[in-house]
Amino acid sequence: MATSYLATNTIQLYTEYKFTQLEIAFLTAYLANGGNGTRACKDAGMKCKSEAAYAKRASDLLRTEKFREEISAQLKARESAKIAKSNEILQFYTSVMRGEVLDQFGIEASIDTRIKAANELAKHQIEIPLKLKQKEMSNNIGSVTLNFLPRKEED
């Protein structure tokens, strides 16, 4: 997952953050191996004389702001990819309703399941937008301004 994100954003990494190819390889390896900086340095092809030198180089790289920001963005993109978007959910309901989804035994969904999927689609496509529109209309009734005249003081 992280590799594909890096692959699609390599140009941005070169231009915006000024990452070198070696640094991008390090980032890719670091995210792929679960956060082991020493191993990421080796996998990226960095040349160091000892294990301690690899660890120091990784530590130095990971302390820089650009690496911290990019790693944070990569992890956020991974988490975001795990959550289904509303469009994906609606597509699933549609395919169940149409009988395109098979169960674990290779059998189409029952008519009850298809009706439930159609009801969920109707909720999201008709009821929710209608409720929002009604709420919008009730909020836009207007405001009433009350003007009070000052009291006349008695002499």
C-alpha atoms as a PDB file:
ATOM      1  CA  MET A   1       0.000   0.000   0.000  1.00  0.00           C
ATOM      2  CA  ALA A   2       2.704   2.503   0.970  1.00  0.00           C
ATOM      3  CA  THR A   3       4.762   1.613  -2.081  1.00  0.00           C
ATOM      4  CA  SER A   4       1.932   2.440  -4.462  1.00  0.00           C
ATOM      5  CA  TYR A   5       1.263   5.718  -2.646  1.00  0.00           C
ATOM      6  CA  LEU A   6       4.946   6.628  -2.935  1.00  0.00           C
ATOM      7  CA  ALA A   7       5.035   5.584  -6.572  1.00  0.00           C
ATOM      8  CA  THR A   8       2.149   7.887  -7.438  1.00  0.00           C
ATOM      9  CA  ASN A   9       3.571  10.810  -5.471  1.00  0.00           C
ATOM     10  CA  THR A  10       7.249  10.536  -6.404  1.00  0.00           C
ATOM     11  CA  ILE A  11       7.197  13.725  -8.482  1.00  0.00           C
ATOM     12  CA  GLN A  12       5.702  15.650  -5.560  1.00  0.00           C
ATOM     13  CA  LEU A  13       8.357  14.218  -3.244  1.00  0.00           C
ATOM     14  CA  TYR A  14      11.111  15.372  -5.605  1.00  0.00           C
ATOM     15  CA  THR A  15       9.720  18.860  -6.095  1.00  0.00           C
ATOM     16  CA  GLU A  16       7.984  19.826  -2.864  1.00  0.00           C
ATOM     17  CA  TYR A  17      10.117  18.098  -0.247  1.00  0.00           C
ATOM     18  CA  LYS A  18      13.331  17.743  -2.271  1.00  0.00           C
ATOM     19  CA  PHE A  19      13.713  14.007  -1.552  1.00  0.00           C
ATOM     20  CA  THR A  20      16.446  12.159  -3.412  1.00  0.00           C
ATOM     21  CA  GLN A  21      15.878   8.760  -5.005  1.00  0.00           C
ATOM     22  CA  LEU A  22      17.772   7.147  -2.142  1.00  0.00           C
ATOM     23  CA  GLU A  23      15.576   8.909   0.429  1.00  0.00           C
ATOM     24  CA  ILE A  24      12.421   7.797  -1.390  1.00  0.00           C
ATOM     25  CA  ALA A  25      13.773   4.234  -1.415  1.00  0.00           C
ATOM     26  CA  PHE A  26      14.421   4.568   2.332  1.00  0.00           C
ATOM     27  CA  LEU A  27      10.863   5.820   2.937  1.00  0.00           C
ATOM     28  CA  THR A  28       9.422   2.963   0.900  1.00  0.00           C
ATOM     29  CA  ALA A  29      11.490   0.363   2.760  1.00  0.00           C
ATOM     30  CA  TYR A  30      10.779   1.956   6.164  1.00  0.00           C
ATOM     31  CA  LEU A  31       7.021   1.833   5.643  1.00  0.00           C
ATOM     32  CA  ALA A  32       7.116  -1.638   4.067  1.00  0.00           C
ATOM     33  CA  ASN A  33       9.048  -3.245   6.920  1.00  0.00           C
ATOM     34  CA  GLY A  34       6.912  -1.753   9.685  1.00  0.00           C
ATOM     35  CA  GLY A  35       9.251   0.999  10.841  1.00  0.00           C
ATOM     36  CA  ASN A  36      12.698  -0.565  11.136  1.00  0.00           C
ATOM     37  CA  GLY A  37      15.038   2.264  10.120  1.00  0.00           C
ATOM     38  CA  THR A  38      18.266   0.240  10.170  1.00  0.00           C
ATOM     39  CA  ARG A  39      16.872  -2.414   7.874  1.00  0.00           C
ATOM     40  CA  ALA A  40      15.305   0.289   5.673  1.00  0.00           C
ATOM     41  CA  CYS A  41      18.733   1.882   5.163  1.00  0.00           C
ATOM     42  CA  LYS A  42      20.153  -1.458   4.047  1.00  0.00           C
ATOM     43  CA  ASP A  43      17.178  -2.248   1.806  1.00  0.00           C
ATOM     44  CA  ALA A  44      17.338   1.206   0.218  1.00  0.00           C
ATOM     45  CA  GLY A  45      20.951   0.589  -0.795  1.00  0.00           C
ATOM     46  CA  MET A  46      22.631   3.063   1.524  1.00  0.00           C
ATOM     47  CA  LYS A  47      26.276   2.290   2.194  1.00  0.00           C
ATOM     48  CA  CYS A  48      27.491   2.336   5.799  1.00  0.00           C
ATOM     49  CA  LYS A  49      30.416   0.584   7.483  1.00  0.00           C
ATOM     50  CA  SER A  50      28.648  -0.839  10.529  1.00  0.00           C
ATOM     51  CA  GLU A  51      25.280  -1.685  11.992  1.00  0.00           C
ATOM     52  CA  ALA A  52      25.561   1.334  14.291  1.00  0.00           C
ATOM     53  CA  ALA A  53      26.230   3.595  11.310  1.00  0.00           C
ATOM     54  CA  TYR A  54      23.054   2.322   9.590  1.00  0.00           C
ATOM     55  CA  ALA A  55      21.091   2.993  12.794  1.00  0.00           C
ATOM     56  CA  LYS A  56      22.526   6.512  13.124  1.00  0.00           C
ATOM     57  CA  ARG A  57      21.806   7.346   9.496  1.00  0.00           C
ATOM     58  CA  ALA A  58      18.215   6.132   9.850  1.00  0.00           C
ATOM     59  CA  SER A  59      17.795   8.081  13.075  1.00  0.00           C
ATOM     60  CA  ASP A  60      19.157  11.253  11.485  1.00  0.00           C
ATOM     61  CA  LEU A  61      16.816  10.913   8.506  1.00  0.00           C
ATOM     62  CA  LEU A  62      13.774  10.206  10.660  1.00  0.00           C
ATOM     63  CA  ARG A  63      14.401  13.278  12.813  1.00  0.00           C
ATOM     64  CA  THR A  64      14.040  15.682   9.900  1.00  0.00           C
ATOM     65  CA  GLU A  65      10.721  17.473   9.506  1.00  0.00           C
ATOM     66  CA  LYS A  66      10.195  16.436   5.897  1.00  0.00           C
ATOM     67  CA  PHE A  67      10.505  12.740   6.773  1.00  0.00           C
ATOM     68  CA  ARG A  68       8.185  13.031   9.773  1.00  0.00           C
ATOM     69  CA  GLU A  69       5.558  14.825   7.659  1.00  0.00           C
ATOM     70  CA  GLU A  70       5.802  12.335   4.809  1.00  0.00           C
ATOM     71  CA  ILE A  71       5.628   9.280   7.080  1.00  0.00           C
ATOM     72  CA  SER A  72       2.603  10.789   8.811  1.00  0.00           C
ATOM     73  CA  ALA A  73       0.922  11.393   5.432  1.00  0.00           C
ATOM     74  CA  GLN A  74       1.709   7.830   4.318  1.00  0.00           C
ATOM     75  CA  LEU A  75       0.241   6.315   7.492  1.00  0.00           C
ATOM     76  CA  LYS A  76      -2.837   8.528   7.224  1.00  0.00           C
ATOM     77  CA  ALA A  77      -3.331   7.404   3.600  1.00  0.00           C
ATOM     78  CA  ARG A  78      -3.068   3.753   4.704  1.00  0.00           C
ATOM     79  CA  GLU A  79      -5.702   4.249   7.403  1.00  0.00           C
ATOM     80  CA  SER A  80      -7.982   6.128   5.038  1.00  0.00           C
ATOM     81  CA  ALA A  81      -7.786   3.308   2.492  1.00  0.00           C
ATOM     82  CA  LYS A  82      -9.087   0.850   5.113  1.00  0.00           C
ATOM     83  CA  ILE A  83     -12.403   2.711   5.482  1.00  0.00           C
ATOM     84  CA  ALA A  84     -15.107   2.279   2.857  1.00  0.00           C
ATOM     85  CA  LYS A  85     -16.239   5.503   1.238  1.00  0.00           C
ATOM     86  CA  SER A  86     -19.934   6.285   0.883  1.00  0.00           C
ATOM     87  CA  ASN A  87     -19.849   5.718  -2.871  1.00  0.00           C
ATOM     88  CA  GLU A  88     -18.333   2.260  -2.369  1.00  0.00           C
ATOM     89  CA  ILE A  89     -21.068   1.367   0.131  1.00  0.00           C
ATOM     90  CA  LEU A  90     -23.793   2.492  -2.260  1.00  0.00           C
ATOM     91  CA  GLN A  91     -22.221   0.439  -5.061  1.00  0.00           C
ATOM     92  CA  PHE A  92     -22.259  -2.626  -2.794  1.00  0.00           C
ATOM     93  CA  TYR A  93     -25.924  -2.124  -1.895  1.00  0.00           C
ATOM     94  CA  THR A  94     -26.721  -1.759  -5.584  1.00  0.00           C
ATOM     95  CA  SER A  95     -24.905  -4.947  -6.558  1.00  0.00           C
ATOM     96  CA  VAL A  96     -26.670  -6.875  -3.755  1.00  0.00           C
ATOM     97  CA  MET A  97     -30.031  -5.495  -4.838  1.00  0.00           C
ATOM     98  CA  ARG A  98     -29.372  -6.576  -8.436  1.00  0.00           C
ATOM     99  CA  GLY A  99     -28.322 -10.068  -7.353  1.00  0.00           C
ATOM    100  CA  GLU A 100     -24.735  -9.669  -8.543  1.00  0.00           C
ATOM    101  CA  VAL A 101     -23.238 -10.619  -5.161  1.00  0.00           C
ATOM    102  CA  LEU A 102     -23.068 -14.311  -4.322  1.00  0.00           C
ATOM    103  CA  ASP A 103     -22.813 -15.789  -0.846  1.00  0.00           C
ATOM    104  CA  GLN A 104     -20.106 -18.198   0.312  1.00  0.00           C
ATOM    105  CA  PHE A 105     -21.940 -21.088  -1.359  1.00  0.00           C
ATOM    106  CA  GLY A 106     -22.204 -19.330  -4.743  1.00  0.00           C
ATOM    107  CA  ILE A 107     -25.926 -18.598  -4.342  1.00  0.00           C
ATOM    108  CA  GLU A 108     -27.543 -15.255  -5.136  1.00  0.00           C
ATOM    109  CA  ALA A 109     -28.837 -13.160  -2.259  1.00  0.00           C
ATOM    110  CA  SER A 110     -32.390 -13.962  -1.171  1.00  0.00           C
ATOM    111  CA  ILE A 111     -35.241 -11.661  -2.113  1.00  0.00           C
ATOM    112  CA  ASP A 112     -35.393 -10.453   1.511  1.00  0.00           C
ATOM    113  CA  THR A 113     -31.736  -9.471   1.446  1.00  0.00           C
ATOM    114  CA  ARG A 114     -32.193  -7.741  -1.911  1.00  0.00           C
ATOM    115  CA  ILE A 115     -35.185  -5.803  -0.563  1.00  0.00           C
ATOM    116  CA  LYS A 116     -33.170  -4.742   2.500  1.00  0.00           C
ATOM    117  CA  ALA A 117     -30.380  -3.521   0.207  1.00  0.00           C
ATOM    118  CA  ALA A 118     -32.942  -1.585  -1.864  1.00  0.00           C
ATOM    119  CA  ASN A 119     -34.330  -0.024   1.340  1.00  0.00           C
ATOM    120  CA  GLU A 120     -30.836   1.040   2.415  1.00  0.00           C
ATOM    121  CA  LEU A 121     -30.252   2.571  -1.008  1.00  0.00           C
ATOM    122  CA  ALA A 122     -33.585   4.397  -0.787  1.00  0.00           C
ATOM    123  CA  LYS A 123     -32.616   5.745   2.629  1.00  0.00           C
ATOM    124  CA  HIS A 124     -29.344   7.126   1.356  1.00  0.00           C
ATOM    125  CA  GLN A 125     -30.594   8.304  -2.013  1.00  0.00           C
ATOM    126  CA  ILE A 126     -34.053   9.648  -1.123  1.00  0.00           C
ATOM    127  CA  GLU A 127     -34.812   9.979   2.579  1.00  0.00           C
ATOM    128  CA  ILE A 128     -31.588  11.542   3.850  1.00  0.00           C
ATOM    129  CA  PRO A 129     -31.360  14.212   1.093  1.00  0.00           C
ATOM    130  CA  LEU A 130     -35.069  14.955   1.594  1.00  0.00           C
ATOM    131  CA  LYS A 131     -34.608  15.386   5.347  1.00  0.00           C
ATOM    132  CA  LEU A 132     -31.638  17.674   4.758  1.00  0.00           C
ATOM    133  CA  LYS A 133     -33.668  19.745   2.311  1.00  0.00           C
ATOM    134  CA  GLN A 134     -36.550  20.010   4.787  1.00  0.00           C
ATOM    135  CA  LYS A 135     -34.151  21.062   7.531  1.00  0.00           C
ATOM    136  CA  GLU A 136     -32.644  23.664   5.225  1.00  0.00           C
ATOM    137  CA  MET A 137     -36.104  25.012   4.409  1.00  0.00           C
ATOM    138  CA  SER A 138     -37.107  25.224   8.070  1.00  0.00           C
ATOM    139  CA  ASN A 139     -33.881  27.055   8.903  1.00  0.00           C
ATOM    140  CA  ASN A 140     -34.442  29.629   6.161  1.00  0.00           C
ATOM    141  CA  ILE A 141     -37.814  30.894   7.323  1.00  0.00           C
ATOM    142  CA  GLY A 142     -36.293  34.228   8.114  1.00  0.00           C
ATOM    143  CA  SER A 143     -35.771  36.313  11.159  1.00  0.00           C
ATOM    144  CA  VAL A 144     -38.126  38.649  12.889  1.00  0.00           C
ATOM    145  CA  THR A 145     -36.751  41.923  14.142  1.00  0.00           C
ATOM    146  CA  LEU A 146     -38.500  43.464  17.080  1.00  0.00           C
ATOM    147  CA  ASN A 147     -38.181  47.190  17.454  1.00  0.00           C
ATOM    148  CA  PHE A 148     -39.125  48.609  20.805  1.00  0.00           C
ATOM    149  CA  LEU A 149     -39.979  52.220  21.229  1.00  0.00           C
ATOM    150  CA  PRO A 150     -38.372  53.922  24.181  1.00  0.00           C
ATOM    151  CA  ARG A 151     -40.665  54.686  27.119  1.00  0.00           C
ATOM    152  CA  LYS A 152     -41.750  58.180  27.586  1.00  0.00           C
ATOM    153  CA  GLU A 153     -40.656  59.490  30.888  1.00  0.00           C
ATOM    154  CA  GLU A 154     -43.368  61.065  32.950  1.00  0.00           C
ATOM    155  CA  ASP A 155     -42.762  64.577  34.185  1.00  0.00           C
END
